[in-house]
Amino acid sequence: MWWSNLFKDMSPASFFNFSFLPKYGQLFVQGVEYTLLLAVVSVALAVIPALVLALMRLSKNKFIKGIAGAYIAVFRSTPLLVQLSIIYFGLFGVIQIPRITILGFVDLSRFIPGVVALALNSSAYVAEIFRGGILAVDIGQTEAARSLGLNKFACMRFVVLPQAIKNVLPAIANEIITMVKESSICSMLGMAELMFGAKAAASATYITLAPYTLAALIYFCINYPASKGIEAIERRMRRGDKN
């Protein structure tokens, strides 16, 4: 393409030598799609286990509470790369997933282990978000529901959880943004997300900085507007609570 001539005299170490784009631009497009898919699916799969973990943490049974606490401690206190490696080479070394490609570029034999690792890690954080949201519901709500004859389960289901979920929605949206960034670690295992595309372009063209500069710009263009949108939603929800 004619505009590639703009970069032909630039150094391979230049931050803005984007001459690789005509040949490798599709890797970045697919990388964005793969990254967003990883982030959204991982957080979506983390929600139910996280809610269960949060309820276990609030249990009066010390054994149940201890199991949930141990899970959260392990996943919050160890590096995500270590967790990903153990799950990919350990669990999915035993459970063989056939190499099926969907959407033309998503290899399920790599995508599923990545999603499982990210979801297990995310559930530890989302569990604490849910626990905080449940504890933030006024105890008077529970007392009023019990006085009306609702049992403990019905009170949690119909009174506490709906209010807690409303409280934590912005935090869960923030977790998706965090997961967009965290998913870059999946490139270490050959998953074709955004960082993998940047590394592939850099290694093939010996242009050392510009592919990573482009990846950083793309991450910024995804996450910054999303974070501002979440802030706007939070402000709107606070106004609604006041009204």
Protein backbone atom coordinates (compact mmCIF):
# COMPACT_ATOMS: atom_id res chain seq x y z
CA MET A 1 0.00 0.00 0.00
CA TRP A 2 1.21 3.52 -0.81
CA TRP A 3 1.17 4.72 2.78
CA SER A 4 3.67 2.04 3.82
CA ASN A 5 6.32 4.17 2.08
CA LEU A 6 5.91 6.64 4.93
CA PHE A 7 7.69 4.16 7.21
CA LYS A 8 10.33 2.66 4.91
CA ASP A 9 13.18 4.88 6.10
CA MET A 10 12.38 4.48 9.79
CA SER A 11 14.61 2.52 12.12
CA PRO A 12 13.41 -0.95 13.19
CA ALA A 13 13.66 0.38 16.74
CA SER A 14 11.32 3.30 16.03
CA PHE A 15 8.12 3.49 18.08
CA PHE A 16 6.16 4.42 14.95
CA ASN A 17 7.57 2.19 12.22
CA PHE A 18 4.25 0.64 11.22
CA SER A 19 5.48 -0.77 7.90
CA PHE A 20 4.48 -4.24 9.13
CA LEU A 21 0.77 -3.38 9.06
CA PRO A 22 -0.06 -4.27 5.42
CA LYS A 23 1.16 -7.82 5.98
CA TYR A 24 0.43 -8.37 9.66
CA GLY A 25 -2.49 -6.04 10.36
CA GLN A 26 -4.95 -8.93 10.28
CA LEU A 27 -3.16 -10.48 13.25
CA PHE A 28 -4.03 -7.41 15.30
CA VAL A 29 -7.67 -7.43 14.17
CA GLN A 30 -8.01 -11.09 15.13
CA GLY A 31 -6.05 -10.42 18.32
CA VAL A 32 -8.57 -7.78 19.44
CA GLU A 33 -11.47 -10.16 18.76
CA TYR A 34 -9.71 -12.99 20.61
CA THR A 35 -8.83 -10.74 23.57
CA LEU A 36 -12.38 -9.44 23.97
CA LEU A 37 -13.77 -12.97 23.65
CA LEU A 38 -11.37 -14.24 26.33
CA ALA A 39 -12.21 -11.40 28.71
CA VAL A 40 -16.01 -11.49 28.38
CA VAL A 41 -16.36 -15.29 28.43
CA SER A 42 -13.95 -15.64 31.37
CA VAL A 43 -15.75 -13.11 33.57
CA ALA A 44 -19.17 -14.51 32.55
CA LEU A 45 -18.07 -18.00 33.57
CA ALA A 46 -16.61 -16.65 36.82
CA VAL A 47 -19.87 -15.06 38.04
CA ILE A 48 -21.71 -18.19 39.28
CA PRO A 49 -18.69 -19.78 41.06
CA ALA A 50 -17.89 -16.37 42.54
CA LEU A 51 -21.42 -16.01 43.93
CA VAL A 52 -21.20 -19.49 45.45
CA LEU A 53 -17.80 -18.64 46.96
CA ALA A 54 -19.17 -15.37 48.39
CA LEU A 55 -22.08 -17.19 50.06
CA MET A 56 -19.67 -19.81 51.41
CA ARG A 57 -17.51 -17.03 52.86
CA LEU A 58 -20.58 -15.65 54.63
CA SER A 59 -21.54 -19.06 56.00
CA LYS A 60 -21.45 -19.68 59.74
CA ASN A 61 -20.04 -23.15 59.08
CA LYS A 62 -16.29 -22.83 59.67
CA PHE A 63 -15.43 -25.72 57.31
CA ILE A 64 -17.38 -24.27 54.37
CA LYS A 65 -16.06 -20.79 55.11
CA GLY A 66 -12.51 -22.17 55.29
CA ILE A 67 -12.73 -23.91 51.91
CA ALA A 68 -13.87 -20.71 50.20
CA GLY A 69 -11.24 -18.68 52.03
CA ALA A 70 -8.49 -21.12 51.00
CA TYR A 71 -9.58 -21.02 47.35
CA ILE A 72 -9.62 -17.22 47.28
CA ALA A 73 -6.27 -17.02 49.09
CA VAL A 74 -4.57 -19.41 46.66
CA PHE A 75 -5.82 -17.74 43.49
CA ARG A 76 -5.23 -14.20 44.76
CA SER A 77 -1.76 -14.96 46.15
CA THR A 78 -0.17 -16.81 43.21
CA PRO A 79 0.77 -15.41 39.78
CA LEU A 80 -1.74 -15.86 36.99
CA LEU A 81 1.01 -17.22 34.72
CA VAL A 82 1.68 -20.03 37.20
CA GLN A 83 -2.04 -20.84 37.41
CA LEU A 84 -2.34 -20.79 33.62
CA SER A 85 0.66 -23.09 33.21
CA ILE A 86 -0.59 -25.59 35.81
CA ILE A 87 -4.07 -25.69 34.27
CA TYR A 88 -2.81 -25.86 30.68
CA PHE A 89 -0.06 -28.46 31.15
CA GLY A 90 -1.61 -30.25 34.13
CA LEU A 91 -5.39 -30.41 33.91
CA PHE A 92 -5.60 -30.14 30.13
CA GLY A 93 -2.60 -32.39 29.70
CA VAL A 94 -4.90 -35.12 31.02
CA ILE A 95 -8.15 -33.85 29.48
CA GLN A 96 -7.47 -33.75 25.77
CA ILE A 97 -9.47 -31.21 23.78
CA PRO A 98 -9.70 -31.79 20.02
CA ARG A 99 -8.18 -29.10 17.82
CA ILE A 100 -11.34 -27.48 16.52
CA THR A 101 -11.20 -23.97 15.08
CA ILE A 102 -14.15 -21.61 15.39
CA LEU A 103 -14.59 -18.12 13.92
CA GLY A 104 -11.73 -18.98 11.60
CA PHE A 105 -8.91 -18.37 14.11
CA VAL A 106 -9.94 -19.50 17.63
CA ASP A 107 -8.35 -22.88 18.43
CA LEU A 108 -10.53 -24.47 21.13
CA SER A 109 -7.66 -26.67 22.36
CA ARG A 110 -5.93 -23.48 23.52
CA PHE A 111 -8.92 -21.19 24.06
CA ILE A 112 -10.74 -23.42 26.57
CA PRO A 113 -7.73 -23.87 28.92
CA GLY A 114 -7.15 -20.11 28.76
CA VAL A 115 -10.77 -19.34 29.59
CA VAL A 116 -10.81 -21.86 32.46
CA ALA A 117 -7.63 -20.41 33.98
CA LEU A 118 -8.83 -16.83 33.65
CA ALA A 119 -12.30 -17.70 35.00
CA LEU A 120 -10.91 -19.52 38.03
CA ASN A 121 -8.63 -16.58 38.77
CA SER A 122 -11.36 -14.01 38.20
CA SER A 123 -13.85 -15.88 40.40
CA ALA A 124 -11.58 -15.34 43.41
CA TYR A 125 -11.76 -11.58 42.89
CA VAL A 126 -15.43 -11.44 41.88
CA ALA A 127 -16.30 -13.49 44.99
CA GLU A 128 -14.95 -10.70 47.19
CA ILE A 129 -16.87 -8.17 45.10
CA PHE A 130 -20.09 -10.12 45.69
CA ARG A 131 -19.33 -10.52 49.38
CA GLY A 132 -18.82 -6.79 49.74
CA GLY A 133 -22.04 -6.12 47.84
CA ILE A 134 -24.03 -8.47 50.08
CA LEU A 135 -22.59 -6.97 53.24
CA ALA A 136 -23.40 -3.48 51.94
CA VAL A 137 -27.15 -4.26 51.94
CA ASP A 138 -28.71 -2.76 55.07
CA ILE A 139 -29.30 -5.39 57.73
CA GLY A 140 -32.74 -3.84 58.22
CA GLN A 141 -33.74 -5.23 54.82
CA THR A 142 -33.04 -8.76 56.03
CA GLU A 143 -34.82 -8.20 59.33
CA ALA A 144 -37.88 -6.80 57.57
CA ALA A 145 -37.99 -9.75 55.16
CA ARG A 146 -37.69 -12.28 58.00
CA SER A 147 -40.44 -10.51 59.94
CA LEU A 148 -42.71 -10.97 56.90
CA GLY A 149 -42.20 -14.73 57.10
CA LEU A 150 -39.48 -15.29 54.48
CA ASN A 151 -36.98 -17.99 55.37
CA LYS A 152 -33.22 -17.39 55.16
CA PHE A 153 -32.91 -18.73 51.59
CA ALA A 154 -35.88 -16.75 50.26
CA CYS A 155 -34.64 -13.63 52.01
CA MET A 156 -31.24 -13.95 50.33
CA ARG A 157 -32.76 -14.75 46.93
CA PHE A 158 -35.51 -12.16 46.72
CA VAL A 159 -34.29 -9.31 48.93
CA VAL A 160 -30.55 -9.26 49.48
CA LEU A 161 -29.10 -10.60 46.20
CA PRO A 162 -31.04 -8.29 43.83
CA GLN A 163 -29.77 -5.26 45.76
CA ALA A 164 -26.25 -6.69 46.03
CA ILE A 165 -26.06 -7.41 42.29
CA LYS A 166 -27.09 -3.85 41.54
CA ASN A 167 -24.33 -2.63 43.86
CA VAL A 168 -21.61 -4.75 42.26
CA LEU A 169 -22.41 -4.36 38.55
CA PRO A 170 -19.90 -1.50 38.04
CA ALA A 171 -17.21 -3.50 39.85
CA ILE A 172 -17.88 -6.55 37.66
CA ALA A 173 -17.64 -4.34 34.57
CA ASN A 174 -14.27 -3.15 35.89
CA GLU A 175 -13.24 -6.78 36.25
CA ILE A 176 -13.88 -7.27 32.52
CA ILE A 177 -11.55 -4.34 31.80
CA THR A 178 -8.94 -5.88 34.08
CA MET A 179 -9.35 -9.20 32.32
CA VAL A 180 -8.78 -7.56 28.92
CA LYS A 181 -5.31 -6.64 30.19
CA GLU A 182 -4.71 -9.89 32.07
CA SER A 183 -5.55 -11.96 29.00
CA SER A 184 -2.28 -10.81 27.41
CA ILE A 185 -0.54 -13.45 29.51
CA CYS A 186 -2.22 -16.13 27.38
CA SER A 187 0.18 -15.24 24.57
CA MET A 188 2.84 -17.17 26.51
CA LEU A 189 1.01 -20.37 25.59
CA GLY A 190 0.42 -19.48 21.95
CA MET A 191 -3.13 -18.15 22.20
CA ALA A 192 -3.71 -15.79 19.31
CA GLU A 193 -4.79 -12.72 21.30
CA LEU A 194 -3.53 -9.17 20.84
CA MET A 195 -0.14 -9.57 22.50
CA PHE A 196 0.53 -12.73 20.51
CA GLY A 197 -0.09 -10.76 17.29
CA ALA A 198 2.35 -8.06 18.40
CA LYS A 199 5.03 -10.64 19.23
CA ALA A 200 4.50 -12.46 15.94
CA ALA A 201 4.83 -9.25 13.92
CA ALA A 202 7.92 -8.17 15.86
CA SER A 203 9.71 -11.50 15.49
CA ALA A 204 8.88 -11.83 11.78
CA THR A 205 9.89 -8.29 10.76
CA TYR A 206 12.57 -7.47 13.37
CA ILE A 207 10.68 -4.24 14.05
CA THR A 208 11.17 -4.29 17.78
CA LEU A 209 9.00 -1.53 19.27
CA ALA A 210 6.21 -0.45 16.92
CA PRO A 211 4.13 -3.69 17.18
CA TYR A 212 4.08 -3.33 20.97
CA THR A 213 3.33 0.39 20.66
CA LEU A 214 0.34 -0.47 18.48
CA ALA A 215 -0.81 -3.14 20.95
CA ALA A 216 -0.57 -0.64 23.81
CA LEU A 217 -2.60 1.92 21.84
CA ILE A 218 -5.27 -0.68 21.09
CA TYR A 219 -5.49 -1.74 24.75
CA PHE A 220 -5.81 1.93 25.70
CA CYS A 221 -8.53 2.55 23.10
CA ILE A 222 -10.50 -0.39 24.49
CA ASN A 223 -10.05 0.15 28.21
CA TYR A 224 -10.05 3.93 28.65
CA PRO A 225 -13.45 4.60 26.98
CA ALA A 226 -14.86 1.54 28.75
CA SER A 227 -13.68 2.82 32.15
CA LYS A 228 -15.20 6.24 31.48
CA GLY A 229 -18.46 4.60 30.47
CA ILE A 230 -18.50 2.63 33.72
CA GLU A 231 -17.89 5.83 35.69
CA ALA A 232 -20.86 7.43 33.93
CA ILE A 233 -23.06 4.44 34.77
CA GLU A 234 -21.96 4.60 38.43
CA ARG A 235 -22.86 8.29 38.62
CA ARG A 236 -26.26 7.58 37.08
CA MET A 237 -26.90 4.73 39.52
CA ARG A 238 -25.97 6.97 42.48
CA ARG A 239 -28.42 9.63 41.28
CA GLY A 240 -31.09 6.95 41.00
CA ASP A 241 -30.41 5.80 44.56
CA LYS A 242 -30.75 9.36 45.85
CA ASN A 243 -34.05 9.80 44.05
